[in-house]
Protein backbone atom coordinates (compact mmCIF):
# COMPACT_ATOMS: atom_id res chain seq x y z
CA MET A 1 -3.80 -17.72 -2.51
CA ILE A 2 -7.19 -17.28 -0.90
CA SER A 3 -10.14 -16.60 -3.19
CA ILE A 4 -12.41 -13.66 -2.50
CA SER A 5 -15.38 -15.97 -1.89
CA GLU A 6 -13.37 -18.00 0.66
CA ALA A 7 -12.25 -14.80 2.36
CA LEU A 8 -15.79 -13.45 2.54
CA ALA A 9 -17.06 -16.72 4.01
CA GLU A 10 -14.38 -16.64 6.71
CA VAL A 11 -14.93 -12.94 7.41
CA ALA A 12 -18.66 -13.55 7.78
CA GLY A 13 -17.96 -16.35 10.25
CA ALA A 14 -15.49 -14.38 12.38
CA THR A 15 -16.60 -13.87 15.96
CA SER A 16 -14.31 -10.89 16.52
CA ILE A 17 -12.25 -8.37 14.59
CA GLU A 18 -8.78 -7.56 15.85
CA LYS A 19 -7.14 -4.38 14.59
CA ARG A 20 -3.73 -2.80 15.00
CA ALA A 21 -1.53 -0.28 13.25
CA VAL A 22 0.85 -1.28 10.46
CA CYS A 23 4.26 0.37 10.42
CA ALA A 24 7.65 0.07 8.74
CA PRO A 25 9.90 2.62 10.51
CA ARG A 26 13.02 1.74 8.50
CA ALA A 27 11.23 2.85 5.33
CA LEU A 28 9.03 5.71 6.53
CA ASN A 29 8.09 7.15 9.87
CA GLU A 30 4.70 7.49 11.47
CA ALA A 31 2.78 10.61 10.54
CA PHE A 32 2.28 11.53 14.18
CA ASP A 33 6.09 11.79 14.47
CA TYR A 34 6.23 14.68 11.99
CA GLU A 35 7.33 18.11 13.17
CA ARG A 36 3.68 19.05 12.59
CA PRO A 37 1.93 15.76 13.45
CA SER A 38 -0.74 14.27 11.26
CA SER A 39 -3.27 11.94 12.85
CA PHE A 40 -3.40 8.71 10.86
CA SER A 41 -1.79 5.26 10.80
CA ARG A 42 0.33 4.15 7.86
CA GLY A 43 -2.07 1.26 7.67
CA LEU A 44 -4.36 -0.97 9.68
CA ARG A 45 -4.27 -4.72 10.03
CA LEU A 46 -7.69 -6.28 10.52
CA ASN A 47 -7.87 -9.94 11.52
CA PHE A 48 -11.17 -11.71 10.86
CA GLY A 49 -10.42 -15.18 12.20
CA ASN A 50 -7.87 -16.60 9.73
CA VAL A 51 -8.36 -13.84 7.16
CA THR A 52 -6.23 -10.71 7.37
CA VAL A 53 -7.02 -7.45 5.60
CA LEU A 54 -4.39 -4.72 5.36
CA LEU A 55 -5.64 -1.20 4.68
CA ILE A 56 -2.58 0.75 3.55
CA SER A 57 -3.08 4.51 3.85
CA GLY A 58 -2.14 6.84 1.04
CA THR A 59 1.61 6.34 0.68
CA ALA A 60 4.04 8.50 -1.24
CA SER A 61 7.74 9.17 -1.76
CA ILE A 62 8.47 9.84 1.91
CA GLY A 63 11.74 9.00 3.63
CA ALA A 64 12.37 7.47 7.04
CA ASN A 65 12.49 10.94 8.63
CA GLY A 66 9.26 12.19 7.03
CA GLU A 67 10.99 14.11 4.25
CA THR A 68 9.75 14.17 0.66
CA LEU A 69 12.16 12.27 -1.57
CA TYR A 70 12.83 12.97 -5.26
CA ALA A 71 10.95 16.25 -5.56
CA GLY A 72 10.18 16.90 -9.24
CA ASP A 73 11.15 13.36 -10.39
CA PHE A 74 7.90 11.49 -11.04
CA ARG A 75 9.48 8.14 -11.90
CA ALA A 76 11.72 8.17 -8.83
CA GLN A 77 8.74 9.12 -6.66
CA ILE A 78 6.61 6.25 -7.95
CA ARG A 79 9.44 3.75 -7.39
CA ARG A 80 9.91 5.01 -3.80
CA THR A 81 6.15 4.84 -3.26
CA PHE A 82 6.14 1.18 -4.35
CA ALA A 83 9.14 0.52 -2.06
CA ASN A 84 7.34 2.10 0.90
CA ILE A 85 4.20 0.04 0.29
CA THR A 86 6.36 -3.07 -0.08
CA ALA A 87 7.96 -2.36 3.31
CA LEU A 88 4.53 -1.94 4.93
CA LEU A 89 3.32 -5.22 3.39
CA GLU A 90 6.47 -7.08 4.45
CA SER A 91 6.11 -5.80 8.01
CA GLU A 92 2.86 -7.80 8.17
CA GLY A 93 3.97 -10.92 6.31
CA ALA A 94 2.29 -9.92 3.05
CA THR A 95 3.44 -9.29 -0.52
CA TRP A 96 2.12 -7.50 -3.57
CA LYS A 97 0.46 -10.79 -4.56
CA ASP A 98 -1.94 -10.15 -1.66
CA ILE A 99 -3.00 -6.73 -2.98
CA VAL A 100 -6.55 -6.78 -4.30
CA ARG A 101 -7.08 -3.04 -4.86
CA THR A 102 -5.17 0.20 -5.26
CA THR A 103 -6.29 3.79 -5.56
CA CYS A 104 -3.68 5.93 -7.29
CA TYR A 105 -3.63 9.71 -6.94
CA LEU A 106 -1.63 11.73 -9.46
CA ARG A 107 -1.09 15.49 -9.11
CA ASP A 108 -1.21 15.92 -12.90
CA ILE A 109 -2.80 12.90 -14.56
CA GLU A 110 -2.53 14.30 -18.09
CA ARG A 111 1.21 14.92 -17.76
CA ASP A 112 2.16 11.86 -15.68
CA TYR A 113 -0.23 9.01 -16.47
CA ALA A 114 1.85 7.48 -19.28
CA ALA A 115 4.96 7.38 -17.05
CA PHE A 116 2.85 6.11 -14.15
CA ASN A 117 1.44 3.27 -16.22
CA GLU A 118 4.89 2.32 -17.57
CA GLU A 119 6.40 2.21 -14.07
CA ARG A 120 3.42 0.37 -12.59
CA THR A 121 3.39 -2.18 -15.42
CA GLU A 122 7.12 -2.86 -14.99
CA PHE A 123 6.80 -3.12 -11.21
CA TYR A 124 3.83 -5.50 -11.46
CA ARG A 125 5.79 -7.66 -13.95
CA GLU A 126 8.69 -7.81 -11.49
CA GLN A 127 6.21 -8.92 -8.81
CA ALA A 128 4.72 -11.54 -11.19
CA LEU A 129 1.19 -10.39 -10.37
CA ASP A 130 -1.63 -12.43 -11.88
CA PRO A 131 -4.33 -11.32 -11.60
CA LEU A 132 -3.55 -7.64 -11.40
CA PRO A 133 -5.17 -5.66 -8.57
CA ALA A 134 -8.33 -3.69 -9.23
CA SER A 135 -7.37 -0.03 -9.44
CA THR A 136 -8.59 3.52 -9.87
CA GLY A 137 -6.52 6.50 -11.02
CA ILE A 138 -7.52 9.95 -9.83
CA GLN A 139 -6.10 13.42 -10.34
CA ALA A 140 -5.80 15.08 -6.94
CA ILE A 141 -4.16 17.84 -5.00
CA LEU A 142 -1.88 15.94 -2.64
CA CYS A 143 -1.02 16.86 0.95
CA ARG A 144 2.39 18.33 -0.01
CA PRO A 145 3.06 20.44 -3.09
CA ASP A 146 6.23 18.48 -3.93
CA LEU A 147 4.48 15.09 -4.04
CA LEU A 148 3.46 13.94 -7.51
CA VAL A 149 1.88 10.55 -6.70
CA GLU A 150 0.26 8.78 -3.77
CA ILE A 151 -1.15 5.24 -3.60
CA GLU A 152 -3.41 3.50 -1.11
CA ALA A 153 -3.83 -0.27 -1.17
CA ILE A 154 -5.87 -3.12 0.24
CA ALA A 155 -4.37 -6.58 0.78
CA VAL A 156 -6.26 -9.73 1.74
CA PHE A 157 -4.65 -12.99 2.79
CA ARG A 158 -5.15 -15.97 5.03
CA ALA A 159 -3.12 -15.47 8.20
CA ASP A 160 -1.99 -19.11 8.26
CA ASP A 161 -0.86 -18.78 4.59
CA ALA A 162 1.60 -16.04 5.59
CA GLU A 163 3.13 -18.29 8.24
CA THR A 164 3.39 -21.40 6.06
CA ALA A 165 4.60 -19.53 2.98
CA GLY A 166 7.43 -17.92 4.96
CA ARG A 167 6.39 -14.50 3.82
């Protein structure tokens, strides 16, 4: 695993920045494919020499056809959200171990935070994360009234590590 100081040194020495969209169409479609298109990428991959940064857009319990899944079921929505982020990471050769930061948006933080923290703790244990990502939890009105949680994430890894680790 690359340390933050090593990543920053390589980023600072990069002579160019390559960027491209991240997508995982088997898990969730692109927002511009919606019946009423929305103009954003599911994520961006930035390559700074050998260091890759993935900026995963706010991701929720959305199905492959753009439909909201598990309306009203917070725990099912958070599990699907984690699955969607996992698919986006895997599409770029990354894992949750590469996540350095998450921002978590809950529609009703007072009602749902305990369940959120239980589900997140269990998921992170399953992923064997150490250290845990930095994170912020925010109560927010989400883009659809039936969504209860949305998470954005940042992953950092050495591009050659992904190839040699068989991610």
